[in-house]
Amino acid sequence: MTTTTTIPRQEIIGIIPASKLVEYGVATAVPIVSTPWFDDRQTCRIVHDYLEGKIEGRFDEYRSCRSYAAGVCVGTGGAGMLCLFHEPDSSLAWGLARRWQRVQTQDGMVALQRRRK
């Protein structure tokens, strides 16, 4: 696996030769970098309600989610991944969710941002 030095841990999956880019004014080859998949479950509203203690994480609290379908989160782009509430609390996905925090923007909207370490 070839990786970049400027974007750590990103795999180079191809190269566009400079000869194909002349018409765009580019004189050097350009690497094609893989795009990592983002697990939408880590930013789920109901997951963050649970992490903030607003709900207890009971079935009757998360089954009404529009992305919930028989234990699977259909909000994962067809990946067929379990709803986080069906994964152990110590799973990687729960760990990713805990890296986010809700904040209020200046205009009063609520958004998620990465926690500062």
N, C-alpha and C. Protein backbone atom coordinates (compact mmCIF):
# COMPACT_ATOMS: atom_id res chain seq x y z
N MET A 1 0.85 -1.17 0.00
CA MET A 1 0.00 0.00 0.00
C MET A 1 0.89 1.23 0.00
N THR A 2 0.64 2.12 -0.93
CA THR A 2 1.36 3.40 -0.99
C THR A 2 0.48 4.45 -0.35
N THR A 3 1.04 5.22 0.57
CA THR A 3 0.27 6.27 1.23
C THR A 3 0.89 7.63 0.95
N THR A 4 0.15 8.67 1.26
CA THR A 4 0.65 10.03 1.07
C THR A 4 1.33 10.51 2.34
N THR A 5 2.19 11.49 2.21
CA THR A 5 2.81 12.08 3.39
C THR A 5 1.99 13.27 3.88
N THR A 6 1.25 13.89 3.00
CA THR A 6 0.47 15.08 3.37
C THR A 6 -0.89 14.73 3.97
N ILE A 7 -1.43 13.60 3.58
CA ILE A 7 -2.70 13.14 4.15
C ILE A 7 -2.42 11.78 4.79
N PRO A 8 -2.04 11.76 6.06
CA PRO A 8 -1.64 10.50 6.70
C PRO A 8 -2.71 9.41 6.57
N ARG A 9 -2.26 8.19 6.40
CA ARG A 9 -3.10 6.99 6.35
C ARG A 9 -4.03 6.93 5.13
N GLN A 10 -3.85 7.80 4.15
CA GLN A 10 -4.67 7.74 2.95
C GLN A 10 -3.94 6.98 1.87
N GLU A 11 -4.58 5.97 1.33
CA GLU A 11 -3.96 5.12 0.33
C GLU A 11 -4.05 5.75 -1.06
N ILE A 12 -2.96 5.70 -1.79
CA ILE A 12 -2.95 6.16 -3.18
C ILE A 12 -3.39 4.97 -4.03
N ILE A 13 -4.51 5.14 -4.72
CA ILE A 13 -5.07 4.03 -5.50
C ILE A 13 -4.83 4.17 -7.00
N GLY A 14 -4.21 5.25 -7.40
CA GLY A 14 -3.91 5.46 -8.81
C GLY A 14 -3.18 6.78 -9.01
N ILE A 15 -2.77 7.00 -10.23
CA ILE A 15 -2.06 8.22 -10.60
C ILE A 15 -2.63 8.72 -11.93
N ILE A 16 -2.89 10.02 -12.01
CA ILE A 16 -3.28 10.63 -13.29
C ILE A 16 -2.00 11.19 -13.88
N PRO A 17 -1.56 10.67 -15.02
CA PRO A 17 -0.31 11.15 -15.62
C PRO A 17 -0.40 12.62 -16.02
N ALA A 18 0.74 13.31 -15.93
CA ALA A 18 0.80 14.73 -16.27
C ALA A 18 0.32 14.96 -17.71
N SER A 19 0.58 14.01 -18.60
CA SER A 19 0.19 14.18 -19.99
C SER A 19 -1.33 14.30 -20.16
N LYS A 20 -2.10 13.76 -19.23
CA LYS A 20 -3.57 13.84 -19.31
C LYS A 20 -4.10 15.14 -18.70
N LEU A 21 -3.22 15.92 -18.08
CA LEU A 21 -3.65 17.12 -17.37
C LEU A 21 -3.15 18.42 -17.98
N VAL A 22 -2.46 18.32 -19.09
CA VAL A 22 -1.88 19.51 -19.73
C VAL A 22 -2.94 20.55 -20.04
N GLU A 23 -4.07 20.12 -20.54
CA GLU A 23 -5.12 21.08 -20.91
C GLU A 23 -5.66 21.85 -19.70
N TYR A 24 -5.40 21.36 -18.50
CA TYR A 24 -5.84 22.05 -17.28
C TYR A 24 -4.72 22.89 -16.67
N GLY A 25 -3.57 22.90 -17.32
CA GLY A 25 -2.44 23.68 -16.83
C GLY A 25 -1.66 23.00 -15.72
N VAL A 26 -1.86 21.68 -15.57
CA VAL A 26 -1.15 20.94 -14.53
C VAL A 26 0.04 20.25 -15.19
N ALA A 27 1.22 20.46 -14.62
CA ALA A 27 2.44 19.95 -15.24
C ALA A 27 3.00 18.69 -14.57
N THR A 28 2.39 18.25 -13.50
CA THR A 28 2.88 17.05 -12.80
C THR A 28 1.77 16.02 -12.64
N ALA A 29 2.17 14.79 -12.40
CA ALA A 29 1.20 13.73 -12.15
C ALA A 29 0.46 14.01 -10.84
N VAL A 30 -0.79 13.56 -10.78
CA VAL A 30 -1.62 13.79 -9.60
C VAL A 30 -2.07 12.44 -9.04
N PRO A 31 -1.84 12.22 -7.73
CA PRO A 31 -2.28 10.95 -7.14
C PRO A 31 -3.79 10.92 -6.95
N ILE A 32 -4.36 9.74 -7.08
CA ILE A 32 -5.77 9.52 -6.77
C ILE A 32 -5.79 8.86 -5.40
N VAL A 33 -6.43 9.51 -4.44
CA VAL A 33 -6.42 9.05 -3.06
C VAL A 33 -7.77 8.44 -2.71
N SER A 34 -7.73 7.30 -2.00
CA SER A 34 -8.98 6.66 -1.59
C SER A 34 -9.72 7.56 -0.61
N THR A 35 -11.02 7.49 -0.64
CA THR A 35 -11.85 8.25 0.28
C THR A 35 -12.37 7.29 1.34
N PRO A 36 -12.03 7.54 2.59
CA PRO A 36 -12.51 6.63 3.63
C PRO A 36 -14.02 6.76 3.82
N TRP A 37 -14.65 5.65 4.14
CA TRP A 37 -16.09 5.62 4.37
C TRP A 37 -16.37 6.22 5.73
N PHE A 38 -17.40 7.04 5.86
CA PHE A 38 -17.78 7.65 7.12
C PHE A 38 -18.97 6.89 7.70
N ASP A 39 -18.86 6.46 8.92
CA ASP A 39 -19.93 5.73 9.60
C ASP A 39 -20.93 6.73 10.18
N ASP A 40 -22.05 6.92 9.49
CA ASP A 40 -23.05 7.90 9.91
C ASP A 40 -23.63 7.62 11.29
N ARG A 41 -23.53 6.39 11.77
CA ARG A 41 -24.08 6.07 13.08
C ARG A 41 -23.43 6.88 14.19
N GLN A 42 -22.18 7.29 13.99
CA GLN A 42 -21.47 8.03 15.04
C GLN A 42 -22.04 9.43 15.25
N THR A 43 -22.83 9.93 14.31
CA THR A 43 -23.44 11.26 14.47
C THR A 43 -24.97 11.18 14.55
N CYS A 44 -25.48 10.02 14.88
CA CYS A 44 -26.93 9.81 15.00
C CYS A 44 -27.50 10.64 16.16
N ARG A 45 -28.61 11.31 15.92
CA ARG A 45 -29.25 12.14 16.95
C ARG A 45 -29.62 11.33 18.18
N ILE A 46 -30.20 10.15 17.98
CA ILE A 46 -30.64 9.34 19.12
C ILE A 46 -29.44 8.81 19.90
N VAL A 47 -28.37 8.46 19.21
CA VAL A 47 -27.15 8.02 19.88
C VAL A 47 -26.63 9.14 20.79
N HIS A 48 -26.66 10.37 20.31
CA HIS A 48 -26.17 11.48 21.12
C HIS A 48 -27.14 11.85 22.24
N ASP A 49 -28.42 11.61 22.03
CA ASP A 49 -29.37 11.77 23.15
C ASP A 49 -28.99 10.81 24.27
N TYR A 50 -28.64 9.58 23.91
CA TYR A 50 -28.23 8.58 24.89
C TYR A 50 -26.92 8.98 25.58
N LEU A 51 -25.94 9.39 24.78
CA LEU A 51 -24.65 9.76 25.36
C LEU A 51 -24.76 10.95 26.31
N GLU A 52 -25.73 11.82 26.07
CA GLU A 52 -25.94 12.99 26.94
C GLU A 52 -26.86 12.68 28.11
N GLY A 53 -27.37 11.45 28.18
CA GLY A 53 -28.25 11.06 29.29
C GLY A 53 -29.69 11.51 29.12
N LYS A 54 -30.07 11.94 27.93
CA LYS A 54 -31.45 12.38 27.68
C LYS A 54 -32.40 11.19 27.54
N ILE A 55 -31.88 10.06 27.12
CA ILE A 55 -32.66 8.82 27.04
C ILE A 55 -31.82 7.71 27.67
N GLU A 56 -32.46 6.59 27.96
CA GLU A 56 -31.77 5.47 28.60
C GLU A 56 -31.29 4.42 27.60
N GLY A 57 -31.66 4.55 26.33
CA GLY A 57 -31.23 3.60 25.32
C GLY A 57 -32.10 2.35 25.25
N ARG A 58 -33.33 2.46 25.74
CA ARG A 58 -34.26 1.33 25.67
C ARG A 58 -34.82 1.19 24.26
N PHE A 59 -35.25 -0.01 23.93
CA PHE A 59 -35.79 -0.31 22.60
C PHE A 59 -36.91 0.65 22.21
N ASP A 60 -37.82 0.93 23.13
CA ASP A 60 -38.94 1.82 22.80
C ASP A 60 -38.48 3.24 22.50
N GLU A 61 -37.25 3.60 22.90
CA GLU A 61 -36.74 4.94 22.62
C GLU A 61 -36.07 5.05 21.26
N TYR A 62 -35.47 3.98 20.75
CA TYR A 62 -34.77 4.07 19.46
C TYR A 62 -35.49 3.38 18.32
N ARG A 63 -36.49 2.57 18.59
CA ARG A 63 -37.17 1.86 17.50
C ARG A 63 -37.95 2.79 16.58
N SER A 64 -38.28 3.98 17.05
CA SER A 64 -39.02 4.93 16.22
C SER A 64 -38.13 5.70 15.24
N CYS A 65 -36.83 5.48 15.32
CA CYS A 65 -35.89 6.13 14.41
C CYS A 65 -36.25 5.74 12.97
N ARG A 66 -36.27 6.70 12.07
CA ARG A 66 -36.61 6.42 10.66
C ARG A 66 -35.59 5.53 9.98
N SER A 67 -34.39 5.43 10.54
CA SER A 67 -33.36 4.59 9.94
C SER A 67 -33.29 3.19 10.57
N TYR A 68 -34.12 2.93 11.55
CA TYR A 68 -34.09 1.64 12.24
C TYR A 68 -34.97 0.63 11.51
N ALA A 69 -34.39 -0.52 11.19
CA ALA A 69 -35.15 -1.58 10.51
C ALA A 69 -34.69 -2.93 11.04
N ALA A 70 -35.42 -3.46 11.99
CA ALA A 70 -35.15 -4.80 12.55
C ALA A 70 -33.71 -4.97 13.00
N GLY A 71 -33.21 -3.99 13.73
CA GLY A 71 -31.85 -4.07 14.28
C GLY A 71 -30.76 -3.51 13.40
N VAL A 72 -31.12 -3.16 12.17
CA VAL A 72 -30.14 -2.64 11.22
C VAL A 72 -30.37 -1.15 11.02
N CYS A 73 -29.27 -0.40 10.87
CA CYS A 73 -29.36 1.03 10.58
C CYS A 73 -29.35 1.20 9.06
N VAL A 74 -30.47 1.57 8.49
CA VAL A 74 -30.52 1.74 7.04
C VAL A 74 -29.93 3.09 6.62
N GLY A 75 -29.52 3.90 7.59
CA GLY A 75 -28.88 5.17 7.30
C GLY A 75 -27.40 5.02 6.98
N THR A 76 -26.93 3.80 6.86
CA THR A 76 -25.51 3.56 6.59
C THR A 76 -25.23 3.32 5.12
N GLY A 77 -26.08 3.84 4.27
CA GLY A 77 -25.84 3.76 2.83
C GLY A 77 -25.84 2.35 2.26
N GLY A 78 -26.67 1.49 2.82
CA GLY A 78 -26.77 0.13 2.30
C GLY A 78 -25.72 -0.82 2.86
N ALA A 79 -24.94 -0.37 3.84
CA ALA A 79 -23.90 -1.22 4.41
C ALA A 79 -24.47 -2.33 5.29
N GLY A 80 -25.74 -2.19 5.69
CA GLY A 80 -26.37 -3.23 6.50
C GLY A 80 -25.76 -3.38 7.88
N MET A 81 -25.31 -2.29 8.46
CA MET A 81 -24.67 -2.34 9.78
C MET A 81 -25.73 -2.31 10.88
N LEU A 82 -25.41 -2.95 11.98
CA LEU A 82 -26.31 -2.94 13.12
C LEU A 82 -26.53 -1.53 13.63
N CYS A 83 -27.73 -1.30 14.17
CA CYS A 83 -27.99 -0.07 14.91
C CYS A 83 -27.01 -0.07 16.07
N LEU A 84 -26.47 1.08 16.43
CA LEU A 84 -25.49 1.13 17.52
C LEU A 84 -26.04 0.56 18.82
N PHE A 85 -27.34 0.67 19.02
CA PHE A 85 -27.93 0.15 20.25
C PHE A 85 -27.92 -1.37 20.29
N HIS A 86 -27.56 -2.02 19.19
CA HIS A 86 -27.42 -3.47 19.15
C HIS A 86 -25.95 -3.89 19.22
N GLU A 87 -25.06 -2.92 19.39
CA GLU A 87 -23.63 -3.21 19.52
C GLU A 87 -23.22 -3.01 20.98
N PRO A 88 -22.17 -3.69 21.40
CA PRO A 88 -21.68 -3.49 22.77
C PRO A 88 -21.24 -2.05 22.99
N ASP A 89 -21.43 -1.57 24.20
CA ASP A 89 -21.06 -0.21 24.56
C ASP A 89 -19.57 0.07 24.34
N SER A 90 -18.78 -0.98 24.33
CA SER A 90 -17.33 -0.84 24.16
C SER A 90 -16.88 -0.98 22.70
N SER A 91 -17.82 -1.04 21.76
CA SER A 91 -17.47 -1.24 20.35
C SER A 91 -16.76 -0.02 19.77
N LEU A 92 -16.06 -0.24 18.66
CA LEU A 92 -15.37 0.85 17.97
C LEU A 92 -16.35 1.95 17.57
N ALA A 93 -17.53 1.58 17.07
CA ALA A 93 -18.50 2.58 16.61
C ALA A 93 -18.98 3.47 17.76
N TRP A 94 -19.19 2.89 18.94
CA TRP A 94 -19.56 3.73 20.10
C TRP A 94 -18.40 4.65 20.46
N GLY A 95 -17.19 4.15 20.34
CA GLY A 95 -16.01 4.99 20.60
C GLY A 95 -15.95 6.17 19.65
N LEU A 96 -16.29 5.92 18.38
CA LEU A 96 -16.31 7.02 17.39
C LEU A 96 -17.39 8.03 17.75
N ALA A 97 -18.55 7.56 18.18
CA ALA A 97 -19.65 8.47 18.55
C ALA A 97 -19.24 9.35 19.72
N ARG A 98 -18.49 8.79 20.65
CA ARG A 98 -18.07 9.56 21.83
C ARG A 98 -17.05 10.65 21.49
N ARG A 99 -16.50 10.61 20.30
CA ARG A 99 -15.55 11.65 19.88
C ARG A 99 -16.25 12.94 19.45
N TRP A 100 -17.57 12.92 19.37
CA TRP A 100 -18.35 14.08 18.95
C TRP A 100 -19.04 14.69 20.15
N GLN A 101 -19.32 15.99 20.07
CA GLN A 101 -20.10 16.66 21.10
C GLN A 101 -21.05 17.65 20.44
N ARG A 102 -22.19 17.81 21.07
CA ARG A 102 -23.16 18.81 20.58
C ARG A 102 -22.73 20.18 21.06
N VAL A 103 -22.86 21.14 20.16
CA VAL A 103 -22.58 22.54 20.49
C VAL A 103 -23.69 23.40 19.92
N GLN A 104 -23.85 24.56 20.50
CA GLN A 104 -24.84 25.51 19.98
C GLN A 104 -24.10 26.58 19.21
N THR A 105 -24.53 26.83 17.98
CA THR A 105 -23.90 27.84 17.16
C THR A 105 -24.40 29.23 17.55
N GLN A 106 -23.78 30.26 17.03
CA GLN A 106 -24.16 31.63 17.37
C GLN A 106 -25.60 31.95 17.01
N ASP A 107 -26.11 31.28 15.96
CA ASP A 107 -27.50 31.55 15.55
C ASP A 107 -28.50 30.66 16.28
N GLY A 108 -28.04 29.92 17.30
CA GLY A 108 -28.93 29.10 18.11
C GLY A 108 -29.14 27.67 17.62
N MET A 109 -28.57 27.33 16.48
CA MET A 109 -28.70 25.97 15.96
C MET A 109 -27.80 25.03 16.77
N VAL A 110 -28.17 23.75 16.77
CA VAL A 110 -27.36 22.74 17.44
C VAL A 110 -26.63 21.93 16.37
N ALA A 111 -25.35 21.72 16.60
CA ALA A 111 -24.52 20.98 15.64
C ALA A 111 -23.58 20.08 16.42
N LEU A 112 -22.98 19.14 15.71
CA LEU A 112 -21.95 18.30 16.31
C LEU A 112 -20.58 18.78 15.87
N GLN A 113 -19.63 18.70 16.77
CA GLN A 113 -18.23 19.00 16.43
C GLN A 113 -17.36 17.97 17.12
N ARG A 114 -16.18 17.76 16.57
CA ARG A 114 -15.23 16.82 17.17
C ARG A 114 -14.80 17.37 18.52
N ARG A 115 -14.72 16.48 19.49
CA ARG A 115 -14.20 16.88 20.81
C ARG A 115 -12.72 17.23 20.69
N ARG A 116 -12.32 18.22 21.41
CA ARG A 116 -10.90 18.56 21.47
C ARG A 116 -10.26 17.64 22.49
N LYS A 117 -9.08 17.18 22.17
CA LYS A 117 -8.40 16.25 23.09
C LYS A 117 -7.73 16.95 24.22
